[in-house]
Amino acid sequence: MSDDTALRTVQIVLHWAWDPIGVRGIKEAADEYDMYATRVLELLEADAPDERISDYLTSVVRDRMGLAEDTDRDKDVSLMLRQLYAIGR
């Protein structure tokens, strides 16, 4: 998987599966979470534990967005990202 494809995959997963603010499927908001995708990809490339990725997602929701945590969602998304990244290697 090329770096561009890997980054795009992360962006899509964040928009469609993670989506803490509820903009899934809104064309104008397709890039809403792109600013977090680069860091997630860095974690995947560094083979960071799934817990570290989910912790990052949780911290974004809590600390940057000021929303209630959904750690189950964040864990599920981190596992999905790990599996998709592994497929593309």
N, C-alpha and C. Protein backbone atom coordinates (compact mmCIF):
# COMPACT_ATOMS: atom_id res chain seq x y z
N MET A 1 0.86 -1.17 0.00
CA MET A 1 0.00 0.00 0.00
C MET A 1 0.90 1.24 0.00
N SER A 2 0.67 2.13 -0.91
CA SER A 2 1.45 3.36 -0.94
C SER A 2 1.09 4.24 0.25
N ASP A 3 1.96 5.19 0.54
CA ASP A 3 1.69 6.11 1.65
C ASP A 3 0.40 6.89 1.41
N ASP A 4 0.17 7.31 0.17
CA ASP A 4 -1.05 8.04 -0.15
C ASP A 4 -2.29 7.19 0.05
N THR A 5 -2.20 5.93 -0.36
CA THR A 5 -3.34 5.02 -0.19
C THR A 5 -3.58 4.73 1.29
N ALA A 6 -2.52 4.54 2.04
CA ALA A 6 -2.65 4.28 3.47
C ALA A 6 -3.28 5.47 4.18
N LEU A 7 -2.83 6.67 3.84
CA LEU A 7 -3.40 7.87 4.46
C LEU A 7 -4.86 8.02 4.08
N ARG A 8 -5.18 7.80 2.84
CA ARG A 8 -6.58 7.91 2.39
C ARG A 8 -7.45 6.87 3.10
N THR A 9 -6.94 5.69 3.30
CA THR A 9 -7.69 4.65 4.02
C THR A 9 -7.98 5.11 5.44
N VAL A 10 -6.99 5.66 6.12
CA VAL A 10 -7.20 6.16 7.48
C VAL A 10 -8.24 7.28 7.47
N GLN A 11 -8.15 8.19 6.53
CA GLN A 11 -9.12 9.28 6.44
C GLN A 11 -10.54 8.76 6.27
N ILE A 12 -10.71 7.77 5.42
CA ILE A 12 -12.04 7.19 5.18
C ILE A 12 -12.58 6.51 6.44
N VAL A 13 -11.72 5.76 7.11
CA VAL A 13 -12.16 5.08 8.34
C VAL A 13 -12.55 6.10 9.41
N LEU A 14 -11.76 7.15 9.56
CA LEU A 14 -12.11 8.16 10.55
C LEU A 14 -13.45 8.82 10.22
N HIS A 15 -13.70 9.07 8.96
CA HIS A 15 -14.96 9.72 8.56
C HIS A 15 -16.16 8.79 8.71
N TRP A 16 -16.03 7.55 8.28
CA TRP A 16 -17.18 6.66 8.24
C TRP A 16 -17.37 5.82 9.49
N ALA A 17 -16.28 5.44 10.16
CA ALA A 17 -16.41 4.54 11.32
C ALA A 17 -16.22 5.26 12.65
N TRP A 18 -15.28 6.18 12.72
CA TRP A 18 -15.00 6.87 13.99
C TRP A 18 -16.03 7.97 14.22
N ASP A 19 -16.03 9.00 13.44
CA ASP A 19 -17.05 10.06 13.35
C ASP A 19 -17.66 10.51 14.68
N PRO A 20 -16.86 11.05 15.59
CA PRO A 20 -17.40 11.44 16.90
C PRO A 20 -18.39 12.61 16.87
N ILE A 21 -18.36 13.43 15.82
CA ILE A 21 -19.29 14.57 15.80
C ILE A 21 -20.49 14.35 14.88
N GLY A 22 -20.56 13.20 14.25
CA GLY A 22 -21.75 12.85 13.49
C GLY A 22 -21.87 13.50 12.11
N VAL A 23 -20.77 13.53 11.37
CA VAL A 23 -20.81 14.11 10.02
C VAL A 23 -20.68 13.04 8.93
N ARG A 24 -20.79 11.81 9.30
CA ARG A 24 -20.67 10.69 8.36
C ARG A 24 -21.57 10.90 7.15
N GLY A 25 -20.99 10.83 5.99
CA GLY A 25 -21.75 10.91 4.75
C GLY A 25 -22.05 12.31 4.27
N ILE A 26 -21.69 13.33 5.02
CA ILE A 26 -21.90 14.71 4.59
C ILE A 26 -20.72 15.11 3.71
N LYS A 27 -20.99 15.32 2.44
CA LYS A 27 -19.93 15.58 1.46
C LYS A 27 -19.05 16.75 1.87
N GLU A 28 -19.65 17.81 2.36
CA GLU A 28 -18.89 19.01 2.72
C GLU A 28 -17.99 18.78 3.95
N ALA A 29 -18.24 17.74 4.68
CA ALA A 29 -17.46 17.46 5.89
C ALA A 29 -16.54 16.25 5.70
N ALA A 30 -16.33 15.83 4.48
CA ALA A 30 -15.53 14.64 4.22
C ALA A 30 -14.10 14.75 4.76
N ASP A 31 -13.61 15.97 4.90
CA ASP A 31 -12.24 16.16 5.38
C ASP A 31 -12.17 16.57 6.85
N GLU A 32 -13.26 16.46 7.56
CA GLU A 32 -13.36 16.94 8.94
C GLU A 32 -12.29 16.36 9.87
N TYR A 33 -11.94 15.10 9.67
CA TYR A 33 -11.00 14.44 10.57
C TYR A 33 -9.62 14.23 9.95
N ASP A 34 -9.39 14.79 8.78
CA ASP A 34 -8.12 14.56 8.09
C ASP A 34 -6.91 15.01 8.91
N MET A 35 -7.08 16.04 9.74
CA MET A 35 -5.95 16.54 10.53
C MET A 35 -5.45 15.50 11.53
N TYR A 36 -6.26 14.51 11.85
CA TYR A 36 -5.86 13.47 12.79
C TYR A 36 -5.32 12.23 12.08
N ALA A 37 -5.57 12.12 10.80
CA ALA A 37 -5.20 10.92 10.05
C ALA A 37 -3.70 10.74 9.95
N THR A 38 -2.96 11.82 9.80
CA THR A 38 -1.51 11.71 9.67
C THR A 38 -0.91 11.10 10.93
N ARG A 39 -1.35 11.56 12.09
CA ARG A 39 -0.83 11.00 13.35
C ARG A 39 -1.21 9.53 13.51
N VAL A 40 -2.43 9.19 13.14
CA VAL A 40 -2.85 7.79 13.22
C VAL A 40 -1.98 6.93 12.30
N LEU A 41 -1.73 7.40 11.10
CA LEU A 41 -0.87 6.65 10.18
C LEU A 41 0.55 6.51 10.74
N GLU A 42 1.07 7.56 11.34
CA GLU A 42 2.39 7.47 11.98
C GLU A 42 2.42 6.37 13.05
N LEU A 43 1.36 6.30 13.83
CA LEU A 43 1.28 5.27 14.86
C LEU A 43 1.23 3.87 14.24
N LEU A 44 0.46 3.72 13.19
CA LEU A 44 0.38 2.44 12.49
C LEU A 44 1.75 2.05 11.91
N GLU A 45 2.40 3.00 11.28
CA GLU A 45 3.71 2.73 10.68
C GLU A 45 4.76 2.38 11.73
N ALA A 46 4.61 2.94 12.92
CA ALA A 46 5.55 2.65 14.01
C ALA A 46 5.19 1.38 14.76
N ASP A 47 4.14 0.70 14.28
CA ASP A 47 3.66 -0.52 14.91
C ASP A 47 3.31 -0.30 16.38
N ALA A 48 2.72 0.88 16.66
CA ALA A 48 2.27 1.20 18.02
C ALA A 48 1.17 0.22 18.41
N PRO A 49 1.07 -0.10 19.67
CA PRO A 49 -0.01 -0.99 20.12
C PRO A 49 -1.38 -0.38 19.81
N ASP A 50 -2.36 -1.24 19.58
CA ASP A 50 -3.72 -0.78 19.30
C ASP A 50 -4.23 0.15 20.40
N GLU A 51 -3.84 -0.14 21.63
CA GLU A 51 -4.27 0.68 22.76
C GLU A 51 -3.76 2.12 22.63
N ARG A 52 -2.56 2.26 22.10
CA ARG A 52 -2.01 3.62 21.92
C ARG A 52 -2.80 4.39 20.86
N ILE A 53 -3.20 3.70 19.81
CA ILE A 53 -4.00 4.35 18.76
C ILE A 53 -5.37 4.73 19.32
N SER A 54 -6.00 3.81 20.02
CA SER A 54 -7.32 4.12 20.59
C SER A 54 -7.20 5.22 21.64
N ASP A 55 -6.13 5.23 22.42
CA ASP A 55 -5.92 6.31 23.39
C ASP A 55 -5.78 7.66 22.70
N TYR A 56 -5.08 7.66 21.56
CA TYR A 56 -4.95 8.90 20.80
C TYR A 56 -6.32 9.39 20.33
N LEU A 57 -7.12 8.49 19.77
CA LEU A 57 -8.45 8.87 19.30
C LEU A 57 -9.31 9.39 20.46
N THR A 58 -9.23 8.71 21.59
CA THR A 58 -9.99 9.15 22.76
C THR A 58 -9.54 10.53 23.22
N SER A 59 -8.24 10.77 23.20
CA SER A 59 -7.74 12.08 23.64
C SER A 59 -8.19 13.19 22.70
N VAL A 60 -8.27 12.90 21.42
CA VAL A 60 -8.76 13.89 20.46
C VAL A 60 -10.20 14.26 20.79
N VAL A 61 -11.03 13.25 21.01
CA VAL A 61 -12.44 13.49 21.32
C VAL A 61 -12.58 14.28 22.62
N ARG A 62 -11.88 13.87 23.64
CA ARG A 62 -11.99 14.48 24.96
C ARG A 62 -11.32 15.85 25.03
N ASP A 63 -10.07 15.93 24.59
CA ASP A 63 -9.27 17.12 24.81
C ASP A 63 -9.41 18.19 23.72
N ARG A 64 -9.57 17.77 22.49
CA ARG A 64 -9.67 18.74 21.39
C ARG A 64 -11.10 19.10 21.04
N MET A 65 -11.98 18.09 21.10
CA MET A 65 -13.36 18.33 20.71
C MET A 65 -14.26 18.64 21.90
N GLY A 66 -13.79 18.27 23.09
CA GLY A 66 -14.57 18.52 24.29
C GLY A 66 -15.84 17.69 24.38
N LEU A 67 -15.79 16.49 23.80
CA LEU A 67 -16.95 15.60 23.79
C LEU A 67 -16.75 14.45 24.76
N ALA A 68 -17.84 13.76 25.05
CA ALA A 68 -17.78 12.58 25.90
C ALA A 68 -17.01 11.47 25.19
N GLU A 69 -16.24 10.74 25.96
CA GLU A 69 -15.45 9.64 25.42
C GLU A 69 -16.35 8.46 25.04
N ASP A 70 -15.92 7.74 24.02
CA ASP A 70 -16.54 6.48 23.65
C ASP A 70 -15.38 5.51 23.39
N THR A 71 -14.82 4.99 24.47
CA THR A 71 -13.61 4.18 24.35
C THR A 71 -13.85 2.89 23.58
N ASP A 72 -15.06 2.34 23.66
CA ASP A 72 -15.35 1.13 22.88
C ASP A 72 -15.25 1.42 21.39
N ARG A 73 -15.82 2.54 20.95
CA ARG A 73 -15.74 2.92 19.54
C ARG A 73 -14.28 3.11 19.15
N ASP A 74 -13.53 3.82 19.99
CA ASP A 74 -12.14 4.10 19.66
C ASP A 74 -11.31 2.83 19.57
N LYS A 75 -11.57 1.87 20.45
CA LYS A 75 -10.88 0.58 20.38
C LYS A 75 -11.25 -0.17 19.10
N ASP A 76 -12.54 -0.19 18.77
CA ASP A 76 -12.98 -0.87 17.54
C ASP A 76 -12.34 -0.25 16.31
N VAL A 77 -12.30 1.07 16.26
CA VAL A 77 -11.72 1.76 15.11
C VAL A 77 -10.22 1.49 15.03
N SER A 78 -9.53 1.48 16.16
CA SER A 78 -8.10 1.20 16.12
C SER A 78 -7.82 -0.22 15.61
N LEU A 79 -8.65 -1.16 16.01
CA LEU A 79 -8.49 -2.53 15.50
C LEU A 79 -8.77 -2.60 14.00
N MET A 80 -9.79 -1.90 13.55
CA MET A 80 -10.11 -1.85 12.12
C MET A 80 -8.94 -1.26 11.33
N LEU A 81 -8.41 -0.15 11.84
CA LEU A 81 -7.29 0.49 11.17
C LEU A 81 -6.08 -0.44 11.10
N ARG A 82 -5.78 -1.12 12.20
CA ARG A 82 -4.65 -2.04 12.23
C ARG A 82 -4.83 -3.15 11.18
N GLN A 83 -6.02 -3.72 11.11
CA GLN A 83 -6.28 -4.79 10.17
C GLN A 83 -6.17 -4.32 8.72
N LEU A 84 -6.74 -3.16 8.43
CA LEU A 84 -6.65 -2.62 7.07
C LEU A 84 -5.21 -2.28 6.70
N TYR A 85 -4.48 -1.74 7.65
CA TYR A 85 -3.08 -1.41 7.40
C TYR A 85 -2.27 -2.69 7.13
N ALA A 86 -2.54 -3.73 7.90
CA ALA A 86 -1.83 -5.00 7.72
C ALA A 86 -2.13 -5.62 6.35
N ILE A 87 -3.35 -5.49 5.89
CA ILE A 87 -3.72 -6.01 4.58
C ILE A 87 -2.92 -5.33 3.48
N GLY A 88 -2.69 -4.04 3.64
CA GLY A 88 -2.01 -3.27 2.62
C GLY A 88 -0.51 -3.38 2.60
N ARG A 89 0.05 -4.01 3.59
CA ARG A 89 1.52 -4.14 3.64
C ARG A 89 2.06 -5.04 2.58
